[in-house]
Structures are given as structure tokens and as C-alpha cells.
């Protein structure tokens, strides 16, 4: 079906730097407080190319790229998942502790 077809393109973390997160709070100015799957809370900013086309809300599952410096505290939001993708990832064991 159409849903499964869309799912085959779900983006997964491609490196150590990339991690799943749930948006906890919008801080304004394209910044969000995010609870990440490693248990750390990071302040993440929405990268430029997503700004125009993605609306981020509290509770959204996102993909975060940790900063090289201050990586435990900061990151960039590089992708956002739809509710369908979120449940697919959960069902297939990609997100266990979010």
C-alpha cells in the first residue's frame, strides 16, 4: 500500500552523531529542547533547509545530529518523522526508550 511505500524511505541514523529525539519544548528562534534516545536533553536548532518546509511541534519524533563541540548539550534537527513513521520505527525496535 501507499503507507508501506512511504515507510521504505524512513531515514535512519547514519552515524554515531545522529540520534532520535522527542521535542519537549519550543524555545523560540528555531530552537527546541529535545529528549534524546541516549537519555540526554539537548537544545537543538532547526537546520536551514527544513525551516521553510517543516513545522516542528512538541511531541514530534525527530532526527538530531549532535554538535562536534558540546555534543551532549547541543544538536541540529535534521529530519522530522510523521506519526506513521514514528509508529513504524517503534514497532520495528528502532526507538526503544523514547
PDB file of N, CA and C in Angstrom:
ATOM      1  N   UNK A   1       0.816  -1.208   0.000  1.00  0.00           N
ATOM      2  CA  UNK A   1       0.000   0.000   0.000  1.00  0.00           C
ATOM      3  C   UNK A   1       0.848   1.254   0.000  1.00  0.00           C
ATOM      4  N   UNK A   2       0.192   2.377  -0.099  1.00  0.00           N
ATOM      5  CA  UNK A   2       0.884   3.661  -0.171  1.00  0.00           C
ATOM      6  C   UNK A   2       1.681   3.921   1.111  1.00  0.00           C
ATOM      7  N   UNK A   3       1.084   3.533   2.231  1.00  0.00           N
ATOM      8  CA  UNK A   3       1.719   3.761   3.527  1.00  0.00           C
ATOM      9  C   UNK A   3       3.057   3.025   3.617  1.00  0.00           C
ATOM     10  N   UNK A   4       3.068   1.756   3.242  1.00  0.00           N
ATOM     11  CA  UNK A   4       4.303   0.962   3.299  1.00  0.00           C
ATOM     12  C   UNK A   4       5.373   1.533   2.378  1.00  0.00           C
ATOM     13  N   UNK A   5       4.936   1.994   1.225  1.00  0.00           N
ATOM     14  CA  UNK A   5       5.842   2.559   0.234  1.00  0.00           C
ATOM     15  C   UNK A   5       6.559   3.783   0.817  1.00  0.00           C
ATOM     16  N   UNK A   6       5.792   4.599   1.496  1.00  0.00           N
ATOM     17  CA  UNK A   6       6.343   5.794   2.129  1.00  0.00           C
ATOM     18  C   UNK A   6       7.341   5.391   3.219  1.00  0.00           C
ATOM     19  N   UNK A   7       7.023   4.321   3.926  1.00  0.00           N
ATOM     20  CA  UNK A   7       7.835   3.855   5.029  1.00  0.00           C
ATOM     21  C   UNK A   7       9.211   3.345   4.594  1.00  0.00           C
ATOM     22  N   UNK A   8       9.287   2.784   3.390  1.00  0.00           N
ATOM     23  CA  UNK A   8      10.574   2.235   2.965  1.00  0.00           C
ATOM     24  C   UNK A   8      11.646   3.307   2.869  1.00  0.00           C
ATOM     25  N   UNK A   9      11.228   4.554   2.867  1.00  0.00           N
ATOM     26  CA  UNK A   9      12.212   5.629   2.766  1.00  0.00           C
ATOM     27  C   UNK A   9      12.482   6.299   4.112  1.00  0.00           C
ATOM     28  N   UNK A  10      12.087   5.668   5.184  1.00  0.00           N
ATOM     29  CA  UNK A  10      12.315   6.267   6.507  1.00  0.00           C
ATOM     30  C   UNK A  10      13.812   6.420   6.722  1.00  0.00           C
ATOM     31  N   UNK A  11      14.208   7.615   7.074  1.00  0.00           N
ATOM     32  CA  UNK A  11      15.617   7.888   7.298  1.00  0.00           C
ATOM     33  C   UNK A  11      16.024   7.387   8.678  1.00  0.00           C
ATOM     34  N   UNK A  12      17.117   6.656   8.718  1.00  0.00           N
ATOM     35  CA  UNK A  12      17.630   6.146   9.992  1.00  0.00           C
ATOM     36  C   UNK A  12      18.940   6.862  10.316  1.00  0.00           C
ATOM     37  N   UNK A  13      19.325   6.845  11.593  1.00  0.00           N
ATOM     38  CA  UNK A  13      20.618   7.462  11.932  1.00  0.00           C
ATOM     39  C   UNK A  13      21.726   6.815  11.097  1.00  0.00           C
ATOM     40  N   UNK A  14      22.586   7.641  10.520  1.00  0.00           N
ATOM     41  CA  UNK A  14      23.623   7.144   9.614  1.00  0.00           C
ATOM     42  C   UNK A  14      24.998   7.105  10.265  1.00  0.00           C
ATOM     43  N   UNK A  15      25.116   7.655  11.458  1.00  0.00           N
ATOM     44  CA  UNK A  15      26.411   7.674  12.142  1.00  0.00           C
ATOM     45  C   UNK A  15      26.182   7.827  13.637  1.00  0.00           C
ATOM     46  N   UNK A  16      27.291   7.783  14.391  1.00  0.00           N
ATOM     47  CA  UNK A  16      27.226   7.974  15.853  1.00  0.00           C
ATOM     48  C   UNK A  16      26.635   9.335  16.203  1.00  0.00           C
ATOM     49  N   UNK A  17      26.836  10.271  15.294  1.00  0.00           N
ATOM     50  CA  UNK A  17      26.427  11.655  15.560  1.00  0.00           C
ATOM     51  C   UNK A  17      24.922  11.840  15.484  1.00  0.00           C
ATOM     52  N   UNK A  18      24.239  10.890  14.834  1.00  0.00           N
ATOM     53  CA  UNK A  18      22.804  11.058  14.622  1.00  0.00           C
ATOM     54  C   UNK A  18      22.018  10.202  15.602  1.00  0.00           C
ATOM     55  N   UNK A  19      20.966  10.813  16.160  1.00  0.00           N
ATOM     56  CA  UNK A  19      20.237  10.158  17.248  1.00  0.00           C
ATOM     57  C   UNK A  19      18.768  10.584  17.197  1.00  0.00           C
ATOM     58  N   UNK A  20      17.888   9.690  17.619  1.00  0.00           N
ATOM     59  CA  UNK A  20      16.461  10.048  17.675  1.00  0.00           C
ATOM     60  C   UNK A  20      16.193  10.937  18.885  1.00  0.00           C
ATOM     61  N   UNK A  21      15.177  11.784  18.759  1.00  0.00           N
ATOM     62  CA  UNK A  21      14.779  12.617  19.886  1.00  0.00           C
ATOM     63  C   UNK A  21      13.295  12.942  19.813  1.00  0.00           C
ATOM     64  N   UNK A  22      12.762  13.330  20.958  1.00  0.00           N
ATOM     65  CA  UNK A  22      11.374  13.794  21.025  1.00  0.00           C
ATOM     66  C   UNK A  22      11.400  15.253  21.471  1.00  0.00           C
ATOM     67  N   UNK A  23      10.673  16.089  20.727  1.00  0.00           N
ATOM     68  CA  UNK A  23      10.637  17.516  21.065  1.00  0.00           C
ATOM     69  C   UNK A  23       9.860  17.713  22.362  1.00  0.00           C
ATOM     70  N   UNK A  24      10.510  18.315  23.330  1.00  0.00           N
ATOM     71  CA  UNK A  24       9.895  18.515  24.641  1.00  0.00           C
ATOM     72  C   UNK A  24       9.324  19.929  24.784  1.00  0.00           C
ATOM     73  N   UNK A  25      10.025  20.877  24.204  1.00  0.00           N
ATOM     74  CA  UNK A  25       9.592  22.266  24.346  1.00  0.00           C
ATOM     75  C   UNK A  25      10.155  23.115  23.212  1.00  0.00           C
ATOM     76  N   UNK A  26       9.319  24.038  22.704  1.00  0.00           N
ATOM     77  CA  UNK A  26       9.793  25.003  21.717  1.00  0.00           C
ATOM     78  C   UNK A  26      10.349  26.198  22.471  1.00  0.00           C
ATOM     79  N   UNK A  27      11.585  26.549  22.190  1.00  0.00           N
ATOM     80  CA  UNK A  27      12.243  27.650  22.917  1.00  0.00           C
ATOM     81  C   UNK A  27      12.203  28.945  22.122  1.00  0.00           C
ATOM     82  N   UNK A  28      11.621  28.891  20.926  1.00  0.00           N
ATOM     83  CA  UNK A  28      11.590  30.085  20.085  1.00  0.00           C
ATOM     84  C   UNK A  28      12.877  30.208  19.278  1.00  0.00           C
ATOM     85  N   UNK A  29      12.834  31.049  18.239  1.00  0.00           N
ATOM     86  CA  UNK A  29      14.033  31.297  17.457  1.00  0.00           C
ATOM     87  C   UNK A  29      14.597  30.014  16.827  1.00  0.00           C
ATOM     88  N   UNK A  30      13.710  29.122  16.364  1.00  0.00           N
ATOM     89  CA  UNK A  30      14.115  27.871  15.711  1.00  0.00           C
ATOM     90  C   UNK A  30      14.873  26.917  16.638  1.00  0.00           C
ATOM     91  N   UNK A  31      14.746  27.118  17.953  1.00  0.00           N
ATOM     92  CA  UNK A  31      15.414  26.215  18.895  1.00  0.00           C
ATOM     93  C   UNK A  31      14.385  25.425  19.701  1.00  0.00           C
ATOM     94  N   UNK A  32      14.761  24.193  20.037  1.00  0.00           N
ATOM     95  CA  UNK A  32      13.855  23.302  20.755  1.00  0.00           C
ATOM     96  C   UNK A  32      14.619  22.519  21.808  1.00  0.00           C
ATOM     97  N   UNK A  33      13.933  22.243  22.931  1.00  0.00           N
ATOM     98  CA  UNK A  33      14.517  21.332  23.902  1.00  0.00           C
ATOM     99  C   UNK A  33      14.066  19.929  23.529  1.00  0.00           C
ATOM    100  N   UNK A  34      15.041  19.029  23.401  1.00  0.00           N
ATOM    101  CA  UNK A  34      14.782  17.695  22.870  1.00  0.00           C
ATOM    102  C   UNK A  34      15.312  16.627  23.824  1.00  0.00           C
ATOM    103  N   UNK A  35      14.470  15.634  24.139  1.00  0.00           N
ATOM    104  CA  UNK A  35      14.910  14.483  24.910  1.00  0.00           C
ATOM    105  C   UNK A  35      15.374  13.427  23.907  1.00  0.00           C
ATOM    106  N   UNK A  36      16.651  13.064  23.987  1.00  0.00           N
ATOM    107  CA  UNK A  36      17.224  12.145  23.006  1.00  0.00           C
ATOM    108  C   UNK A  36      17.233  10.715  23.523  1.00  0.00           C
ATOM    109  N   UNK A  37      17.397   9.767  22.589  1.00  0.00           N
ATOM    110  CA  UNK A  37      17.284   8.357  22.959  1.00  0.00           C
ATOM    111  C   UNK A  37      18.440   7.869  23.824  1.00  0.00           C
ATOM    112  N   UNK A  38      19.484   8.689  23.975  1.00  0.00           N
ATOM    113  CA  UNK A  38      20.566   8.315  24.893  1.00  0.00           C
ATOM    114  C   UNK A  38      20.319   8.849  26.299  1.00  0.00           C
ATOM    115  N   UNK A  39      19.125   9.423  26.497  1.00  0.00           N
ATOM    116  CA  UNK A  39      18.758   9.914  27.817  1.00  0.00           C
ATOM    117  C   UNK A  39      19.182  11.352  28.084  1.00  0.00           C
ATOM    118  N   UNK A  40      19.926  11.940  27.158  1.00  0.00           N
ATOM    119  CA  UNK A  40      20.366  13.318  27.354  1.00  0.00           C
ATOM    120  C   UNK A  40      19.351  14.298  26.773  1.00  0.00           C
ATOM    121  N   UNK A  41      19.299  15.470  27.377  1.00  0.00           N
ATOM    122  CA  UNK A  41      18.433  16.535  26.871  1.00  0.00           C
ATOM    123  C   UNK A  41      19.324  17.539  26.155  1.00  0.00           C
ATOM    124  N   UNK A  42      18.991  17.846  24.918  1.00  0.00           N
ATOM    125  CA  UNK A  42      19.792  18.783  24.134  1.00  0.00           C
ATOM    126  C   UNK A  42      18.943  19.950  23.665  1.00  0.00           C
ATOM    127  N   UNK A  43      19.578  21.098  23.523  1.00  0.00           N
ATOM    128  CA  UNK A  43      18.935  22.226  22.858  1.00  0.00           C
ATOM    129  C   UNK A  43      19.333  22.117  21.394  1.00  0.00           C
ATOM    130  N   UNK A  44      18.328  21.965  20.536  1.00  0.00           N
ATOM    131  CA  UNK A  44      18.599  21.725  19.118  1.00  0.00           C
ATOM    132  C   UNK A  44      17.997  22.823  18.269  1.00  0.00           C
ATOM    133  N   UNK A  45      18.698  23.129  17.185  1.00  0.00           N
ATOM    134  CA  UNK A  45      18.163  24.136  16.270  1.00  0.00           C
ATOM    135  C   UNK A  45      17.772  23.465  14.973  1.00  0.00           C
ATOM    136  N   UNK A  46      16.759  24.045  14.342  1.00  0.00           N
ATOM    137  CA  UNK A  46      16.260  23.526  13.074  1.00  0.00           C
ATOM    138  C   UNK A  46      17.204  23.982  11.961  1.00  0.00           C
ATOM    139  N   UNK A  47      17.731  23.031  11.175  1.00  0.00           N
ATOM    140  CA  UNK A  47      18.654  23.437  10.115  1.00  0.00           C
ATOM    141  C   UNK A  47      17.915  24.182   9.016  1.00  0.00           C
ATOM    142  N   UNK A  48      18.651  25.029   8.327  1.00  0.00           N
ATOM    143  CA  UNK A  48      18.095  25.944   7.339  1.00  0.00           C
ATOM    144  C   UNK A  48      17.145  25.337   6.337  1.00  0.00           C
ATOM    145  N   UNK A  49      17.540  24.214   5.724  1.00  0.00           N
ATOM    146  CA  UNK A  49      16.704  23.704   4.628  1.00  0.00           C
ATOM    147  C   UNK A  49      15.378  23.139   5.113  1.00  0.00           C
ATOM    148  N   UNK A  50      15.270  22.841   6.409  1.00  0.00           N
ATOM    149  CA  UNK A  50      13.995  22.339   6.940  1.00  0.00           C
ATOM    150  C   UNK A  50      13.063  23.485   7.340  1.00  0.00           C
ATOM    151  N   UNK A  51      13.649  24.649   7.616  1.00  0.00           N
ATOM    152  CA  UNK A  51      12.854  25.756   8.160  1.00  0.00           C
ATOM    153  C   UNK A  51      11.631  26.095   7.343  1.00  0.00           C
ATOM    154  N   UNK A  52      11.797  26.100   6.036  1.00  0.00           N
ATOM    155  CA  UNK A  52      10.702  26.523   5.164  1.00  0.00           C
ATOM    156  C   UNK A  52       9.634  25.439   5.019  1.00  0.00           C
ATOM    157  N   UNK A  53      10.040  24.163   5.175  1.00  0.00           N
ATOM    158  CA  UNK A  53       9.090  23.122   4.803  1.00  0.00           C
ATOM    159  C   UNK A  53       8.608  22.228   5.936  1.00  0.00           C
ATOM    160  N   UNK A  54       9.153  22.393   7.128  1.00  0.00           N
ATOM    161  CA  UNK A  54       8.750  21.501   8.213  1.00  0.00           C
ATOM    162  C   UNK A  54       8.299  22.300   9.425  1.00  0.00           C
ATOM    163  N   UNK A  55       7.124  21.933   9.934  1.00  0.00           N
ATOM    164  CA  UNK A  55       6.638  22.550  11.154  1.00  0.00           C
ATOM    165  C   UNK A  55       6.914  21.580  12.295  1.00  0.00           C
ATOM    166  N   UNK A  56       7.674  22.024  13.293  1.00  0.00           N
ATOM    167  CA  UNK A  56       8.042  21.160  14.420  1.00  0.00           C
ATOM    168  C   UNK A  56       7.135  21.462  15.611  1.00  0.00           C
ATOM    169  N   UNK A  57       6.560  20.418  16.194  1.00  0.00           N
ATOM    170  CA  UNK A  57       5.696  20.596  17.364  1.00  0.00           C
ATOM    171  C   UNK A  57       6.194  19.746  18.521  1.00  0.00           C
ATOM    172  N   UNK A  58       5.768  20.129  19.716  1.00  0.00           N
ATOM    173  CA  UNK A  58       6.079  19.340  20.904  1.00  0.00           C
ATOM    174  C   UNK A  58       5.535  17.932  20.721  1.00  0.00           C
ATOM    175  N   UNK A  59       6.347  16.932  21.041  1.00  0.00           N
ATOM    176  CA  UNK A  59       5.932  15.549  20.911  1.00  0.00           C
ATOM    177  C   UNK A  59       6.386  14.893  19.619  1.00  0.00           C
ATOM    178  N   UNK A  60       6.873  15.699  18.663  1.00  0.00           N
ATOM    179  CA  UNK A  60       7.346  15.134  17.401  1.00  0.00           C
ATOM    180  C   UNK A  60       8.597  14.287  17.603  1.00  0.00           C
ATOM    181  N   UNK A  61       8.689  13.202  16.835  1.00  0.00           N
ATOM    182  CA  UNK A  61       9.923  12.419  16.776  1.00  0.00           C
ATOM    183  C   UNK A  61      10.791  13.040  15.690  1.00  0.00           C
ATOM    184  N   UNK A  62      12.045  13.304  16.037  1.00  0.00           N
ATOM    185  CA  UNK A  62      12.956  13.953  15.095  1.00  0.00           C
ATOM    186  C   UNK A  62      14.285  13.215  15.062  1.00  0.00           C
ATOM    187  N   UNK A  63      15.089  13.555  14.066  1.00  0.00           N
ATOM    188  CA  UNK A  63      16.447  13.045  13.977  1.00  0.00           C
ATOM    189  C   UNK A  63      17.386  14.208  14.281  1.00  0.00           C
ATOM    190  N   UNK A  64      18.270  13.992  15.238  1.00  0.00           N
ATOM    191  CA  UNK A  64      19.177  15.036  15.702  1.00  0.00           C
ATOM    192  C   UNK A  64      20.607  14.677  15.308  1.00  0.00           C
ATOM    193  N   UNK A  65      21.355  15.661  14.838  1.00  0.00           N
ATOM    194  CA  UNK A  65      22.788  15.476  14.652  1.00  0.00           C
ATOM    195  C   UNK A  65      23.500  16.232  15.775  1.00  0.00           C
ATOM    196  N   UNK A  66      24.217  15.486  16.592  1.00  0.00           N
ATOM    197  CA  UNK A  66      24.916  16.098  17.716  1.00  0.00           C
ATOM    198  C   UNK A  66      26.035  17.001  17.205  1.00  0.00           C
ATOM    199  N   UNK A  67      26.223  18.124  17.892  1.00  0.00           N
ATOM    200  CA  UNK A  67      27.320  19.014  17.528  1.00  0.00           C
ATOM    201  C   UNK A  67      28.647  18.356  17.874  1.00  0.00           C
ATOM    202  N   UNK A  68      29.683  18.687  17.115  1.00  0.00           N
ATOM    203  CA  UNK A  68      31.030  18.170  17.398  1.00  0.00           C
ATOM    204  C   UNK A  68      31.508  18.687  18.755  1.00  0.00           C
ATOM    205  N   UNK A  69      31.215  19.963  18.998  1.00  0.00           N
ATOM    206  CA  UNK A  69      31.566  20.574  20.276  1.00  0.00           C
ATOM    207  C   UNK A  69      30.277  20.678  21.074  1.00  0.00           C
ATOM    208  N   UNK A  70      30.334  20.389  22.380  1.00  0.00           N
ATOM    209  CA  UNK A  70      29.133  20.432  23.228  1.00  0.00           C
ATOM    210  C   UNK A  70      28.065  19.445  22.755  1.00  0.00           C
ATOM    211  N   UNK A  71      28.487  18.325  22.194  1.00  0.00           N
ATOM    212  CA  UNK A  71      27.546  17.372  21.622  1.00  0.00           C
ATOM    213  C   UNK A  71      26.555  16.782  22.614  1.00  0.00           C
ATOM    214  N   UNK A  72      26.910  16.815  23.901  1.00  0.00           N
ATOM    215  CA  UNK A  72      25.987  16.286  24.907  1.00  0.00           C
ATOM    216  C   UNK A  72      24.872  17.274  25.231  1.00  0.00           C
ATOM    217  N   UNK A  73      25.061  18.523  24.785  1.00  0.00           N
ATOM    218  CA  UNK A  73      24.085  19.557  25.136  1.00  0.00           C
ATOM    219  C   UNK A  73      23.401  20.177  23.927  1.00  0.00           C
ATOM    220  N   UNK A  74      24.042  20.071  22.768  1.00  0.00           N
ATOM    221  CA  UNK A  74      23.531  20.768  21.591  1.00  0.00           C
ATOM    222  C   UNK A  74      23.418  19.856  20.382  1.00  0.00           C
ATOM    223  N   UNK A  75      22.521  20.225  19.476  1.00  0.00           N
ATOM    224  CA  UNK A  75      22.383  19.458  18.242  1.00  0.00           C
ATOM    225  C   UNK A  75      21.585  20.224  17.206  1.00  0.00           C
ATOM    226  N   UNK A  76      21.534  19.664  16.014  1.00  0.00           N
ATOM    227  CA  UNK A  76      20.731  20.210  14.921  1.00  0.00           C
ATOM    228  C   UNK A  76      19.613  19.229  14.599  1.00  0.00           C
ATOM    229  N   UNK A  77      18.429  19.750  14.333  1.00  0.00           N
ATOM    230  CA  UNK A  77      17.316  18.911  13.892  1.00  0.00           C
ATOM    231  C   UNK A  77      17.460  18.748  12.391  1.00  0.00           C
ATOM    232  N   UNK A  78      17.736  17.506  11.957  1.00  0.00           N
ATOM    233  CA  UNK A  78      17.986  17.296  10.531  1.00  0.00           C
ATOM    234  C   UNK A  78      16.829  16.592   9.820  1.00  0.00           C
ATOM    235  N   UNK A  79      15.880  16.078  10.598  1.00  0.00           N
ATOM    236  CA  UNK A  79      14.709  15.471   9.963  1.00  0.00           C
ATOM    237  C   UNK A  79      13.583  15.351  10.985  1.00  0.00           C
ATOM    238  N   UNK A  80      12.359  15.280  10.479  1.00  0.00           N
ATOM    239  CA  UNK A  80      11.209  15.070  11.357  1.00  0.00           C
ATOM    240  C   UNK A  80      10.398  13.913  10.806  1.00  0.00           C
ATOM    241  N   UNK A  81       9.885  13.084  11.698  1.00  0.00           N
ATOM    242  CA  UNK A  81       9.115  11.916  11.279  1.00  0.00           C
ATOM    243  C   UNK A  81       7.621  12.171  11.410  1.00  0.00           C
ATOM    244  N   UNK A  82       6.862  11.584  10.493  1.00  0.00           N
ATOM    245  CA  UNK A  82       5.406  11.660  10.574  1.00  0.00           C
ATOM    246  C   UNK A  82       4.943  10.673  11.648  1.00  0.00           C
ATOM    247  N   UNK A  83       3.711  10.810  12.119  1.00  0.00           N
ATOM    248  CA  UNK A  83       3.190   9.841  13.098  1.00  0.00           C
ATOM    249  C   UNK A  83       3.261   8.405  12.577  1.00  0.00           C
ATOM    250  N   UNK A  84       3.026   8.213  11.283  1.00  0.00           N
ATOM    251  CA  UNK A  84       3.103   6.879  10.681  1.00  0.00           C
ATOM    252  C   UNK A  84       4.520   6.320  10.785  1.00  0.00           C
ATOM    253  N   UNK A  85       5.497   7.159  10.444  1.00  0.00           N
ATOM    254  CA  UNK A  85       6.898   6.742  10.515  1.00  0.00           C
ATOM    255  C   UNK A  85       7.296   6.466  11.958  1.00  0.00           C
ATOM    256  N   UNK A  86       6.821   7.316  12.849  1.00  0.00           N
ATOM    257  CA  UNK A  86       7.100   7.166  14.280  1.00  0.00           C
ATOM    258  C   UNK A  86       6.652   5.789  14.763  1.00  0.00           C
ATOM    259  N   UNK A  87       5.414   5.412  14.420  1.00  0.00           N
ATOM    260  CA  UNK A  87       4.931   4.121  14.911  1.00  0.00           C
ATOM    261  C   UNK A  87       5.653   2.965  14.222  1.00  0.00           C
ATOM    262  N   UNK A  88       6.047   3.143  12.945  1.00  0.00           N
ATOM    263  CA  UNK A  88       6.820   2.117  12.246  1.00  0.00           C
ATOM    264  C   UNK A  88       8.167   1.892  12.939  1.00  0.00           C
ATOM    265  N   UNK A  89       8.839   2.976  13.267  1.00  0.00           N
ATOM    266  CA  UNK A  89      10.153   2.892  13.924  1.00  0.00           C
ATOM    267  C   UNK A  89      10.030   2.216  15.285  1.00  0.00           C
ATOM    268  N   UNK A  90       8.941   2.556  15.979  1.00  0.00           N
ATOM    269  CA  UNK A  90       8.721   1.974  17.305  1.00  0.00           C
ATOM    270  C   UNK A  90       8.453   0.467  17.183  1.00  0.00           C
ATOM    271  N   UNK A  91       7.585   0.126  16.243  1.00  0.00           N
ATOM    272  CA  UNK A  91       7.199  -1.257  16.028  1.00  0.00           C
ATOM    273  C   UNK A  91       8.400  -2.134  15.644  1.00  0.00           C
ATOM    274  N   UNK A  92       9.333  -1.554  14.913  1.00  0.00           N
ATOM    275  CA  UNK A  92      10.491  -2.318  14.454  1.00  0.00           C
ATOM    276  C   UNK A  92      11.704  -2.182  15.378  1.00  0.00           C
ATOM    277  N   UNK A  93      11.461  -1.603  16.561  1.00  0.00           N
ATOM    278  CA  UNK A  93      12.508  -1.606  17.583  1.00  0.00           C
ATOM    279  C   UNK A  93      13.624  -0.585  17.425  1.00  0.00           C
ATOM    280  N   UNK A  94      13.425   0.396  16.557  1.00  0.00           N
ATOM    281  CA  UNK A  94      14.470   1.417  16.393  1.00  0.00           C
ATOM    282  C   UNK A  94      14.492   2.412  17.549  1.00  0.00           C
ATOM    283  N   UNK A  95      13.319   2.681  18.106  1.00  0.00           N
ATOM    284  CA  UNK A  95      13.260   3.591  19.250  1.00  0.00           C
ATOM    285  C   UNK A  95      12.700   2.857  20.443  1.00  0.00           C
ATOM    286  N   UNK A  96      13.572   2.526  21.362  1.00  0.00           N
ATOM    287  CA  UNK A  96      13.151   1.737  22.497  1.00  0.00           C
ATOM    288  C   UNK A  96      12.832   2.598  23.708  1.00  0.00           C
ATOM    289  N   UNK A  97      13.619   3.626  23.894  1.00  0.00           N
ATOM    290  CA  UNK A  97      13.495   4.340  25.182  1.00  0.00           C
ATOM    291  C   UNK A  97      13.005   5.773  25.023  1.00  0.00           C
ATOM    292  N   UNK A  98      12.133   5.985  24.037  1.00  0.00           N
ATOM    293  CA  UNK A  98      11.544   7.322  23.908  1.00  0.00           C
ATOM    294  C   UNK A  98      10.028   7.191  24.061  1.00  0.00           C
TER     295      UNK A  98
END
